[in-house]
Amino acid sequence: MKPETLNFFDKVYEVARLIPYGRVTSYGAIAKYLGAARSSRMVGYAMNGSGGKDVPAHRVVNRKGLLTGKHHFDGTNLMQQLLESEGITVVENQIQDFEKLYWDPSKEL
């Protein structure tokens, strides 16, 4: 990978580590916060490669609160289980009360 890609990934990981316990954010919100509003897919790629980096990737979902990255977690429902362990209700891959649980780094940091 190019050095600028790794640098972007590191920035994504820094923001993801700030997501409070029991809250979620979206790929697009992180991209927008980093000044790369059209790079939500790159944020997704960063989350896919975050294993072993102490990044709460399970707290990053799509803009509608869907667990679109769940297939990148080991186990069948690990992403959902991690969210539920934080008190977040998930029904059919959809976070319930998404608006209430949503954390926007542009407004919080």
PDB file of N, CA and C in Angstrom:
ATOM      1  N   MET A   1       0.837  -1.193   0.000  1.00  0.00           N
ATOM      2  CA  MET A   1       0.000   0.000   0.000  1.00  0.00           C
ATOM      3  C   MET A   1       0.873   1.246   0.000  1.00  0.00           C
ATOM      4  N   LYS A   2       0.317   2.309  -0.495  1.00  0.00           N
ATOM      5  CA  LYS A   2       1.036   3.584  -0.516  1.00  0.00           C
ATOM      6  C   LYS A   2       1.110   4.151   0.903  1.00  0.00           C
ATOM      7  N   PRO A   3       2.178   4.889   1.223  1.00  0.00           N
ATOM      8  CA  PRO A   3       2.298   5.486   2.561  1.00  0.00           C
ATOM      9  C   PRO A   3       1.116   6.368   2.942  1.00  0.00           C
ATOM     10  N   GLU A   4       0.563   7.124   1.972  1.00  0.00           N
ATOM     11  CA  GLU A   4      -0.577   7.993   2.307  1.00  0.00           C
ATOM     12  C   GLU A   4      -1.813   7.181   2.669  1.00  0.00           C
ATOM     13  N   THR A   5      -1.941   5.986   2.107  1.00  0.00           N
ATOM     14  CA  THR A   5      -3.055   5.121   2.469  1.00  0.00           C
ATOM     15  C   THR A   5      -2.903   4.650   3.906  1.00  0.00           C
ATOM     16  N   LEU A   6      -1.709   4.224   4.275  1.00  0.00           N
ATOM     17  CA  LEU A   6      -1.468   3.789   5.648  1.00  0.00           C
ATOM     18  C   LEU A   6      -1.683   4.939   6.618  1.00  0.00           C
ATOM     19  N   ASN A   7      -1.254   6.125   6.243  1.00  0.00           N
ATOM     20  CA  ASN A   7      -1.437   7.291   7.088  1.00  0.00           C
ATOM     21  C   ASN A   7      -2.932   7.559   7.288  1.00  0.00           C
ATOM     22  N   PHE A   8      -3.725   7.458   6.227  1.00  0.00           N
ATOM     23  CA  PHE A   8      -5.166   7.654   6.335  1.00  0.00           C
ATOM     24  C   PHE A   8      -5.762   6.594   7.256  1.00  0.00           C
ATOM     25  N   PHE A   9      -5.347   5.342   7.085  1.00  0.00           N
ATOM     26  CA  PHE A   9      -5.842   4.269   7.941  1.00  0.00           C
ATOM     27  C   PHE A   9      -5.532   4.563   9.400  1.00  0.00           C
ATOM     28  N   ASP A  10      -4.325   5.023   9.686  1.00  0.00           N
ATOM     29  CA  ASP A  10      -3.960   5.352  11.074  1.00  0.00           C
ATOM     30  C   ASP A  10      -4.860   6.442  11.640  1.00  0.00           C
ATOM     31  N   LYS A  11      -5.189   7.433  10.816  1.00  0.00           N
ATOM     32  CA  LYS A  11      -6.092   8.504  11.257  1.00  0.00           C
ATOM     33  C   LYS A  11      -7.489   7.937  11.544  1.00  0.00           C
ATOM     34  N   VAL A  12      -7.941   7.028  10.684  1.00  0.00           N
ATOM     35  CA  VAL A  12      -9.238   6.380  10.889  1.00  0.00           C
ATOM     36  C   VAL A  12      -9.230   5.644  12.229  1.00  0.00           C
ATOM     37  N   TYR A  13      -8.154   4.905  12.496  1.00  0.00           N
ATOM     38  CA  TYR A  13      -8.064   4.140  13.745  1.00  0.00           C
ATOM     39  C   TYR A  13      -8.082   5.070  14.956  1.00  0.00           C
ATOM     40  N   GLU A  14      -7.410   6.209  14.854  1.00  0.00           N
ATOM     41  CA  GLU A  14      -7.405   7.178  15.964  1.00  0.00           C
ATOM     42  C   GLU A  14      -8.821   7.645  16.279  1.00  0.00           C
ATOM     43  N   VAL A  15      -9.589   7.967  15.251  1.00  0.00           N
ATOM     44  CA  VAL A  15     -10.975   8.429  15.453  1.00  0.00           C
ATOM     45  C   VAL A  15     -11.826   7.281  16.004  1.00  0.00           C
ATOM     46  N   ALA A  16     -11.693   6.111  15.440  1.00  0.00           N
ATOM     47  CA  ALA A  16     -12.498   4.967  15.887  1.00  0.00           C
ATOM     48  C   ALA A  16     -12.251   4.657  17.360  1.00  0.00           C
ATOM     49  N   ARG A  17     -11.027   4.822  17.814  1.00  0.00           N
ATOM     50  CA  ARG A  17     -10.720   4.564  19.230  1.00  0.00           C
ATOM     51  C   ARG A  17     -11.429   5.548  20.167  1.00  0.00           C
ATOM     52  N   LEU A  18     -11.906   6.660  19.634  1.00  0.00           N
ATOM     53  CA  LEU A  18     -12.583   7.678  20.447  1.00  0.00           C
ATOM     54  C   LEU A  18     -14.089   7.456  20.557  1.00  0.00           C
ATOM     55  N   ILE A  19     -14.627   6.516  19.776  1.00  0.00           N
ATOM     56  CA  ILE A  19     -16.072   6.260  19.826  1.00  0.00           C
ATOM     57  C   ILE A  19     -16.409   5.742  21.224  1.00  0.00           C
ATOM     58  N   PRO A  20     -17.292   6.418  21.935  1.00  0.00           N
ATOM     59  CA  PRO A  20     -17.605   5.986  23.303  1.00  0.00           C
ATOM     60  C   PRO A  20     -18.257   4.599  23.363  1.00  0.00           C
ATOM     61  N   TYR A  21     -18.005   3.921  24.437  1.00  0.00           N
ATOM     62  CA  TYR A  21     -18.627   2.629  24.721  1.00  0.00           C
ATOM     63  C   TYR A  21     -20.144   2.793  24.636  1.00  0.00           C
ATOM     64  N   GLY A  22     -20.817   1.871  23.954  1.00  0.00           N
ATOM     65  CA  GLY A  22     -22.274   1.930  23.848  1.00  0.00           C
ATOM     66  C   GLY A  22     -22.794   2.890  22.795  1.00  0.00           C
ATOM     67  N   ARG A  23     -21.889   3.419  21.968  1.00  0.00           N
ATOM     68  CA  ARG A  23     -22.283   4.339  20.891  1.00  0.00           C
ATOM     69  C   ARG A  23     -21.748   3.807  19.567  1.00  0.00           C
ATOM     70  N   VAL A  24     -22.246   4.320  18.480  1.00  0.00           N
ATOM     71  CA  VAL A  24     -21.798   3.914  17.144  1.00  0.00           C
ATOM     72  C   VAL A  24     -21.648   5.144  16.260  1.00  0.00           C
ATOM     73  N   THR A  25     -20.888   4.981  15.198  1.00  0.00           N
ATOM     74  CA  THR A  25     -20.764   6.026  14.183  1.00  0.00           C
ATOM     75  C   THR A  25     -20.765   5.354  12.826  1.00  0.00           C
ATOM     76  N   SER A  26     -20.665   6.164  11.779  1.00  0.00           N
ATOM     77  CA  SER A  26     -20.700   5.608  10.423  1.00  0.00           C
ATOM     78  C   SER A  26     -19.357   5.809   9.726  1.00  0.00           C
ATOM     79  N   TYR A  27     -19.157   5.022   8.677  1.00  0.00           N
ATOM     80  CA  TYR A  27     -17.951   5.159   7.860  1.00  0.00           C
ATOM     81  C   TYR A  27     -17.872   6.588   7.321  1.00  0.00           C
ATOM     82  N   GLY A  28     -18.993   7.092   6.847  1.00  0.00           N
ATOM     83  CA  GLY A  28     -19.034   8.435   6.272  1.00  0.00           C
ATOM     84  C   GLY A  28     -18.740   9.531   7.273  1.00  0.00           C
ATOM     85  N   ALA A  29     -19.185   9.364   8.515  1.00  0.00           N
ATOM     86  CA  ALA A  29     -18.928  10.381   9.543  1.00  0.00           C
ATOM     87  C   ALA A  29     -17.435  10.475   9.832  1.00  0.00           C
ATOM     88  N   ILE A  30     -16.764   9.341   9.864  1.00  0.00           N
ATOM     89  CA  ILE A  30     -15.313   9.352  10.092  1.00  0.00           C
ATOM     90  C   ILE A  30     -14.616   9.993   8.896  1.00  0.00           C
ATOM     91  N   ALA A  31     -15.015   9.616   7.690  1.00  0.00           N
ATOM     92  CA  ALA A  31     -14.411  10.193   6.485  1.00  0.00           C
ATOM     93  C   ALA A  31     -14.589  11.716   6.460  1.00  0.00           C
ATOM     94  N   LYS A  32     -15.798  12.164   6.753  1.00  0.00           N
ATOM     95  CA  LYS A  32     -16.085  13.610   6.758  1.00  0.00           C
ATOM     96  C   LYS A  32     -15.234  14.319   7.801  1.00  0.00           C
ATOM     97  N   TYR A  33     -15.126  13.738   8.982  1.00  0.00           N
ATOM     98  CA  TYR A  33     -14.324  14.334  10.045  1.00  0.00           C
ATOM     99  C   TYR A  33     -12.860  14.481   9.615  1.00  0.00           C
ATOM    100  N   LEU A  34     -12.371  13.519   8.852  1.00  0.00           N
ATOM    101  CA  LEU A  34     -10.978  13.549   8.400  1.00  0.00           C
ATOM    102  C   LEU A  34     -10.774  14.412   7.156  1.00  0.00           C
ATOM    103  N   GLY A  35     -11.842  15.092   6.708  1.00  0.00           N
ATOM    104  CA  GLY A  35     -11.733  15.974   5.557  1.00  0.00           C
ATOM    105  C   GLY A  35     -11.743  15.244   4.230  1.00  0.00           C
ATOM    106  N   ALA A  36     -12.253  14.024   4.235  1.00  0.00           N
ATOM    107  CA  ALA A  36     -12.292  13.211   3.028  1.00  0.00           C
ATOM    108  C   ALA A  36     -13.706  12.648   2.867  1.00  0.00           C
ATOM    109  N   ALA A  37     -14.679  13.540   2.765  1.00  0.00           N
ATOM    110  CA  ALA A  37     -16.091  13.167   2.805  1.00  0.00           C
ATOM    111  C   ALA A  37     -16.474  12.065   1.823  1.00  0.00           C
ATOM    112  N   ARG A  38     -15.768  11.932   0.721  1.00  0.00           N
ATOM    113  CA  ARG A  38     -16.118  10.924  -0.279  1.00  0.00           C
ATOM    114  C   ARG A  38     -15.347   9.618  -0.088  1.00  0.00           C
ATOM    115  N   SER A  39     -14.733   9.467   1.072  1.00  0.00           N
ATOM    116  CA  SER A  39     -13.869   8.308   1.303  1.00  0.00           C
ATOM    117  C   SER A  39     -14.423   7.314   2.320  1.00  0.00           C
ATOM    118  N   SER A  40     -15.745   7.223   2.420  1.00  0.00           N
ATOM    119  CA  SER A  40     -16.317   6.289   3.390  1.00  0.00           C
ATOM    120  C   SER A  40     -15.917   4.843   3.070  1.00  0.00           C
ATOM    121  N   ARG A  41     -15.764   4.529   1.799  1.00  0.00           N
ATOM    122  CA  ARG A  41     -15.347   3.172   1.432  1.00  0.00           C
ATOM    123  C   ARG A  41     -13.920   2.895   1.933  1.00  0.00           C
ATOM    124  N   MET A  42     -13.055   3.907   1.881  1.00  0.00           N
ATOM    125  CA  MET A  42     -11.690   3.736   2.400  1.00  0.00           C
ATOM    126  C   MET A  42     -11.717   3.523   3.917  1.00  0.00           C
ATOM    127  N   VAL A  43     -12.637   4.184   4.606  1.00  0.00           N
ATOM    128  CA  VAL A  43     -12.798   3.958   6.041  1.00  0.00           C
ATOM    129  C   VAL A  43     -13.198   2.504   6.264  1.00  0.00           C
ATOM    130  N   GLY A  44     -14.076   1.989   5.419  1.00  0.00           N
ATOM    131  CA  GLY A  44     -14.462   0.584   5.503  1.00  0.00           C
ATOM    132  C   GLY A  44     -13.276  -0.341   5.308  1.00  0.00           C
ATOM    133  N   TYR A  45     -12.425  -0.024   4.327  1.00  0.00           N
ATOM    134  CA  TYR A  45     -11.223  -0.834   4.111  1.00  0.00           C
ATOM    135  C   TYR A  45     -10.325  -0.789   5.338  1.00  0.00           C
ATOM    136  N   ALA A  46     -10.221   0.384   5.951  1.00  0.00           N
ATOM    137  CA  ALA A  46      -9.412   0.513   7.167  1.00  0.00           C
ATOM    138  C   ALA A  46      -9.983  -0.358   8.282  1.00  0.00           C
ATOM    139  N   MET A  47     -11.308  -0.335   8.438  1.00  0.00           N
ATOM    140  CA  MET A  47     -11.935  -1.160   9.474  1.00  0.00           C
ATOM    141  C   MET A  47     -11.681  -2.645   9.206  1.00  0.00           C
ATOM    142  N   ASN A  48     -11.723  -3.042   7.939  1.00  0.00           N
ATOM    143  CA  ASN A  48     -11.474  -4.444   7.585  1.00  0.00           C
ATOM    144  C   ASN A  48     -10.075  -4.882   8.007  1.00  0.00           C
ATOM    145  N   GLY A  49      -9.126  -3.954   7.968  1.00  0.00           N
ATOM    146  CA  GLY A  49      -7.747  -4.281   8.306  1.00  0.00           C
ATOM    147  C   GLY A  49      -7.351  -3.908   9.716  1.00  0.00           C
ATOM    148  N   SER A  50      -8.328  -3.671  10.571  1.00  0.00           N
ATOM    149  CA  SER A  50      -8.020  -3.165  11.920  1.00  0.00           C
ATOM    150  C   SER A  50      -7.778  -4.262  12.949  1.00  0.00           C
ATOM    151  N   GLY A  51      -7.891  -5.514  12.548  1.00  0.00           N
ATOM    152  CA  GLY A  51      -7.702  -6.607  13.493  1.00  0.00           C
ATOM    153  C   GLY A  51      -6.348  -6.540  14.180  1.00  0.00           C
ATOM    154  N   GLY A  52      -6.337  -6.724  15.491  1.00  0.00           N
ATOM    155  CA  GLY A  52      -5.108  -6.698  16.261  1.00  0.00           C
ATOM    156  C   GLY A  52      -4.564  -5.310  16.538  1.00  0.00           C
ATOM    157  N   LYS A  53      -5.320  -4.272  16.196  1.00  0.00           N
ATOM    158  CA  LYS A  53      -4.850  -2.899  16.399  1.00  0.00           C
ATOM    159  C   LYS A  53      -5.598  -2.185  17.529  1.00  0.00           C
ATOM    160  N   ASP A  54      -6.339  -2.925  18.324  1.00  0.00           N
ATOM    161  CA  ASP A  54      -7.094  -2.336  19.427  1.00  0.00           C
ATOM    162  C   ASP A  54      -8.025  -1.224  18.950  1.00  0.00           C
ATOM    163  N   VAL A  55      -8.772  -1.527  17.890  1.00  0.00           N
ATOM    164  CA  VAL A  55      -9.732  -0.588  17.305  1.00  0.00           C
ATOM    165  C   VAL A  55     -11.129  -1.185  17.451  1.00  0.00           C
ATOM    166  N   PRO A  56     -12.073  -0.438  18.037  1.00  0.00           N
ATOM    167  CA  PRO A  56     -13.438  -0.960  18.184  1.00  0.00           C
ATOM    168  C   PRO A  56     -14.223  -0.877  16.873  1.00  0.00           C
ATOM    169  N   ALA A  57     -13.785  -1.639  15.883  1.00  0.00           N
ATOM    170  CA  ALA A  57     -14.394  -1.594  14.548  1.00  0.00           C
ATOM    171  C   ALA A  57     -15.872  -1.965  14.577  1.00  0.00           C
ATOM    172  N   HIS A  58     -16.293  -2.710  15.582  1.00  0.00           N
ATOM    173  CA  HIS A  58     -17.704  -3.095  15.668  1.00  0.00           C
ATOM    174  C   HIS A  58     -18.617  -1.899  15.871  1.00  0.00           C
ATOM    175  N   ARG A  59     -18.066  -0.769  16.299  1.00  0.00           N
ATOM    176  CA  ARG A  59     -18.860   0.440  16.528  1.00  0.00           C
ATOM    177  C   ARG A  59     -19.018   1.292  15.280  1.00  0.00           C
ATOM    178  N   VAL A  60     -18.496   0.849  14.147  1.00  0.00           N
ATOM    179  CA  VAL A  60     -18.597   1.597  12.895  1.00  0.00           C
ATOM    180  C   VAL A  60     -19.517   0.830  11.950  1.00  0.00           C
ATOM    181  N   VAL A  61     -20.602   1.485  11.557  1.00  0.00           N
ATOM    182  CA  VAL A  61     -21.636   0.859  10.726  1.00  0.00           C
ATOM    183  C   VAL A  61     -21.951   1.775   9.545  1.00  0.00           C
ATOM    184  N   ASN A  62     -22.878   1.384   8.715  1.00  0.00           N
ATOM    185  CA  ASN A  62     -23.209   2.265   7.596  1.00  0.00           C
ATOM    186  C   ASN A  62     -24.146   3.395   8.062  1.00  0.00           C
ATOM    187  N   ARG A  63     -24.440   4.301   7.167  1.00  0.00           N
ATOM    188  CA  ARG A  63     -25.186   5.518   7.534  1.00  0.00           C
ATOM    189  C   ARG A  63     -26.618   5.255   7.982  1.00  0.00           C
ATOM    190  N   LYS A  64     -27.109   4.035   7.746  1.00  0.00           N
ATOM    191  CA  LYS A  64     -28.462   3.682   8.166  1.00  0.00           C
ATOM    192  C   LYS A  64     -28.461   2.811   9.420  1.00  0.00           C
ATOM    193  N   GLY A  65     -27.271   2.547   9.959  1.00  0.00           N
ATOM    194  CA  GLY A  65     -27.187   1.721  11.159  1.00  0.00           C
ATOM    195  C   GLY A  65     -27.156   0.234  10.878  1.00  0.00           C
ATOM    196  N   LEU A  66     -26.831  -0.140   9.654  1.00  0.00           N
ATOM    197  CA  LEU A  66     -26.752  -1.553   9.301  1.00  0.00           C
ATOM    198  C   LEU A  66     -25.338  -2.087   9.521  1.00  0.00           C
ATOM    199  N   LEU A  67     -25.251  -3.336   9.957  1.00  0.00           N
ATOM    200  CA  LEU A  67     -23.965  -3.975  10.219  1.00  0.00           C
ATOM    201  C   LEU A  67     -23.377  -4.510   8.917  1.00  0.00           C
ATOM    202  N   THR A  68     -23.020  -3.611   8.026  1.00  0.00           N
ATOM    203  CA  THR A  68     -22.536  -4.020   6.712  1.00  0.00           C
ATOM    204  C   THR A  68     -21.150  -4.647   6.762  1.00  0.00           C
ATOM    205  N   GLY A  69     -20.382  -4.410   7.813  1.00  0.00           N
ATOM    206  CA  GLY A  69     -19.043  -4.978   7.912  1.00  0.00           C
ATOM    207  C   GLY A  69     -18.962  -6.264   8.698  1.00  0.00           C
ATOM    208  N   LYS A  70     -20.108  -6.814   9.051  1.00  0.00           N
ATOM    209  CA  LYS A  70     -20.127  -7.962   9.964  1.00  0.00           C
ATOM    210  C   LYS A  70     -19.409  -9.184   9.427  1.00  0.00           C
ATOM    211  N   HIS A  71     -19.366  -9.369   8.110  1.00  0.00           N
ATOM    212  CA  HIS A  71     -18.708 -10.543   7.553  1.00  0.00           C
ATOM    213  C   HIS A  71     -17.185 -10.494   7.681  1.00  0.00           C
ATOM    214  N   HIS A  72     -16.644  -9.365   8.131  1.00  0.00           N
ATOM    215  CA  HIS A  72     -15.200  -9.254   8.335  1.00  0.00           C
ATOM    216  C   HIS A  72     -14.784  -9.635   9.756  1.00  0.00           C
ATOM    217  N   PHE A  73     -15.743  -9.968  10.588  1.00  0.00           N
ATOM    218  CA  PHE A  73     -15.454 -10.383  11.957  1.00  0.00           C
ATOM    219  C   PHE A  73     -15.429 -11.906  12.026  1.00  0.00           C
ATOM    220  N   ASP A  74     -14.530 -12.429  12.857  1.00  0.00           N
ATOM    221  CA  ASP A  74     -14.501 -13.878  13.063  1.00  0.00           C
ATOM    222  C   ASP A  74     -15.807 -14.313  13.712  1.00  0.00           C
ATOM    223  N   GLY A  75     -16.253 -15.504  13.402  1.00  0.00           N
ATOM    224  CA  GLY A  75     -17.492 -15.996  13.997  1.00  0.00           C
ATOM    225  C   GLY A  75     -18.694 -15.518  13.205  1.00  0.00           C
ATOM    226  N   THR A  76     -19.809 -16.099  13.485  1.00  0.00           N
ATOM    227  CA  THR A  76     -21.017 -15.815  12.727  1.00  0.00           C
ATOM    228  C   THR A  76     -21.610 -14.452  13.048  1.00  0.00           C
ATOM    229  N   ASN A  77     -21.743 -14.135  14.326  1.00  0.00           N
ATOM    230  CA  ASN A  77     -22.393 -12.883  14.733  1.00  0.00           C
ATOM    231  C   ASN A  77     -21.546 -12.072  15.697  1.00  0.00           C
ATOM    232  N   LEU A  78     -20.225 -12.112  15.555  1.00  0.00           N
ATOM    233  CA  LEU A  78     -19.350 -11.447  16.521  1.00  0.00           C
ATOM    234  C   LEU A  78     -19.607  -9.943  16.605  1.00  0.00           C
ATOM    235  N   MET A  79     -19.777  -9.285  15.467  1.00  0.00           N
ATOM    236  CA  MET A  79     -20.018  -7.839  15.489  1.00  0.00           C
ATOM    237  C   MET A  79     -21.272  -7.526  16.297  1.00  0.00           C
ATOM    238  N   GLN A  80     -22.353  -8.262  16.027  1.00  0.00           N
ATOM    239  CA  GLN A  80     -23.597  -8.059  16.758  1.00  0.00           C
ATOM    240  C   GLN A  80     -23.406  -8.361  18.242  1.00  0.00           C
ATOM    241  N   GLN A  81     -22.698  -9.434  18.559  1.00  0.00           N
ATOM    242  CA  GLN A  81     -22.475  -9.800  19.959  1.00  0.00           C
ATOM    243  C   GLN A  81     -21.690  -8.728  20.697  1.00  0.00           C
ATOM    244  N   LEU A  82     -20.681  -8.161  20.043  1.00  0.00           N
ATOM    245  CA  LEU A  82     -19.895  -7.094  20.671  1.00  0.00           C
ATOM    246  C   LEU A  82     -20.764  -5.867  20.937  1.00  0.00           C
ATOM    247  N   LEU A  83     -21.596  -5.504  19.974  1.00  0.00           N
ATOM    248  CA  LEU A  83     -22.498  -4.364  20.167  1.00  0.00           C
ATOM    249  C   LEU A  83     -23.494  -4.639  21.294  1.00  0.00           C
ATOM    250  N   GLU A  84     -24.063  -5.837  21.288  1.00  0.00           N
ATOM    251  CA  GLU A  84     -25.046  -6.183  22.327  1.00  0.00           C
ATOM    252  C   GLU A  84     -24.398  -6.223  23.708  1.00  0.00           C
ATOM    253  N   SER A  85     -23.123  -6.579  23.780  1.00  0.00           N
ATOM    254  CA  SER A  85     -22.428  -6.587  25.075  1.00  0.00           C
ATOM    255  C   SER A  85     -22.267  -5.169  25.624  1.00  0.00           C
ATOM    256  N   GLU A  86     -22.428  -4.169  24.742  1.00  0.00           N
ATOM    257  CA  GLU A  86     -22.358  -2.765  25.160  1.00  0.00           C
ATOM    258  C   GLU A  86     -23.749  -2.172  25.362  1.00  0.00           C
ATOM    259  N   GLY A  87     -24.773  -3.022  25.296  1.00  0.00           N
ATOM    260  CA  GLY A  87     -26.137  -2.563  25.534  1.00  0.00           C
ATOM    261  C   GLY A  87     -26.863  -2.074  24.299  1.00  0.00           C
ATOM    262  N   ILE A  88     -26.307  -2.312  23.129  1.00  0.00           N
ATOM    263  CA  ILE A  88     -26.923  -1.886  21.875  1.00  0.00           C
ATOM    264  C   ILE A  88     -27.793  -3.027  21.341  1.00  0.00           C
ATOM    265  N   THR A  89     -29.029  -2.707  20.997  1.00  0.00           N
ATOM    266  CA  THR A  89     -29.946  -3.708  20.468  1.00  0.00           C
ATOM    267  C   THR A  89     -29.827  -3.755  18.955  1.00  0.00           C
ATOM    268  N   VAL A  90     -29.669  -4.975  18.428  1.00  0.00           N
ATOM    269  CA  VAL A  90     -29.568  -5.186  16.986  1.00  0.00           C
ATOM    270  C   VAL A  90     -30.640  -6.177  16.575  1.00  0.00           C
ATOM    271  N   VAL A  91     -31.452  -5.785  15.593  1.00  0.00           N
ATOM    272  CA  VAL A  91     -32.499  -6.660  15.061  1.00  0.00           C
ATOM    273  C   VAL A  91     -32.306  -6.746  13.555  1.00  0.00           C
ATOM    274  N   GLU A  92     -32.106  -7.964  13.054  1.00  0.00           N
ATOM    275  CA  GLU A  92     -31.899  -8.204  11.627  1.00  0.00           C
ATOM    276  C   GLU A  92     -30.824  -7.288  11.048  1.00  0.00           C
ATOM    277  N   ASN A  93     -29.661  -7.272  11.722  1.00  0.00           N
ATOM    278  CA  ASN A  93     -28.486  -6.497  11.306  1.00  0.00           C
ATOM    279  C   ASN A  93     -28.693  -4.985  11.349  1.00  0.00           C
ATOM    280  N   GLN A  94     -29.729  -4.527  12.022  1.00  0.00           N
ATOM    281  CA  GLN A  94     -30.054  -3.098  12.108  1.00  0.00           C
ATOM    282  C   GLN A  94     -29.967  -2.656  13.565  1.00  0.00           C
ATOM    283  N   ILE A  95     -29.190  -1.601  13.822  1.00  0.00           N
ATOM    284  CA  ILE A  95     -29.110  -1.055  15.172  1.00  0.00           C
ATOM    285  C   ILE A  95     -30.413  -0.346  15.487  1.00  0.00           C
ATOM    286  N   GLN A  96     -31.005  -0.683  16.600  1.00  0.00           N
ATOM    287  CA  GLN A  96     -32.238  -0.040  17.049  1.00  0.00           C
ATOM    288  C   GLN A  96     -31.874   1.264  17.769  1.00  0.00           C
ATOM    289  N   ASP A  97     -32.713   2.278  17.652  1.00  0.00           N
ATOM    290  CA  ASP A  97     -32.446   3.601  18.231  1.00  0.00           C
ATOM    291  C   ASP A  97     -31.130   4.173  17.707  1.00  0.00           C
ATOM    292  N   PHE A  98     -30.862   3.953  16.431  1.00  0.00           N
ATOM    293  CA  PHE A  98     -29.608   4.394  15.823  1.00  0.00           C
ATOM    294  C   PHE A  98     -29.359   5.886  16.022  1.00  0.00           C
ATOM    295  N   GLU A  99     -30.379   6.700  15.818  1.00  0.00           N
ATOM    296  CA  GLU A  99     -30.206   8.153  15.950  1.00  0.00           C
ATOM    297  C   GLU A  99     -29.765   8.528  17.361  1.00  0.00           C
ATOM    298  N   LYS A 100     -30.306   7.843  18.344  1.00  0.00           N
ATOM    299  CA  LYS A 100     -29.981   8.129  19.750  1.00  0.00           C
ATOM    300  C   LYS A 100     -28.556   7.681  20.098  1.00  0.00           C
ATOM    301  N   LEU A 101     -28.103   6.609  19.491  1.00  0.00           N
ATOM    302  CA  LEU A 101     -26.790   6.040  19.790  1.00  0.00           C
ATOM    303  C   LEU A 101     -25.684   6.586  18.901  1.00  0.00           C
ATOM    304  N   TYR A 102     -26.055   7.334  17.884  1.00  0.00           N
ATOM    305  CA  TYR A 102     -25.100   7.826  16.886  1.00  0.00           C
ATOM    306  C   TYR A 102     -24.152   8.856  17.475  1.00  0.00           C
ATOM    307  N   TRP A 103     -22.874   8.655  17.229  1.00  0.00           N
ATOM    308  CA  TRP A 103     -21.813   9.558  17.689  1.00  0.00           C
ATOM    309  C   TRP A 103     -21.180  10.181  16.460  1.00  0.00           C
ATOM    310  N   ASP A 104     -21.240  11.501  16.368  1.00  0.00           N
ATOM    311  CA  ASP A 104     -20.677  12.223  15.221  1.00  0.00           C
ATOM    312  C   ASP A 104     -19.376  12.904  15.641  1.00  0.00           C
ATOM    313  N   PRO A 105     -18.226  12.413  15.149  1.00  0.00           N
ATOM    314  CA  PRO A 105     -16.954  13.008  15.575  1.00  0.00           C
ATOM    315  C   PRO A 105     -16.836  14.476  15.215  1.00  0.00           C
ATOM    316  N   SER A 106     -17.510  14.922  14.172  1.00  0.00           N
ATOM    317  CA  SER A 106     -17.438  16.346  13.785  1.00  0.00           C
ATOM    318  C   SER A 106     -18.102  17.242  14.828  1.00  0.00           C
ATOM    319  N   LYS A 107     -19.048  16.693  15.567  1.00  0.00           N
ATOM    320  CA  LYS A 107     -19.759  17.471  16.583  1.00  0.00           C
ATOM    321  C   LYS A 107     -19.232  17.212  17.989  1.00  0.00           C
ATOM    322  N   GLU A 108     -18.572  16.060  18.172  1.00  0.00           N
ATOM    323  CA  GLU A 108     -18.143  15.661  19.511  1.00  0.00           C
ATOM    324  C   GLU A 108     -16.677  15.996  19.795  1.00  0.00           C
ATOM    325  N   LEU A 109     -15.872  16.142  18.734  1.00  0.00           N
ATOM    326  CA  LEU A 109     -14.436  16.382  18.944  1.00  0.00           C
ATOM    327  C   LEU A 109     -14.054  17.797  18.587  1.00  0.00           C
TER     328      LEU A 109
END
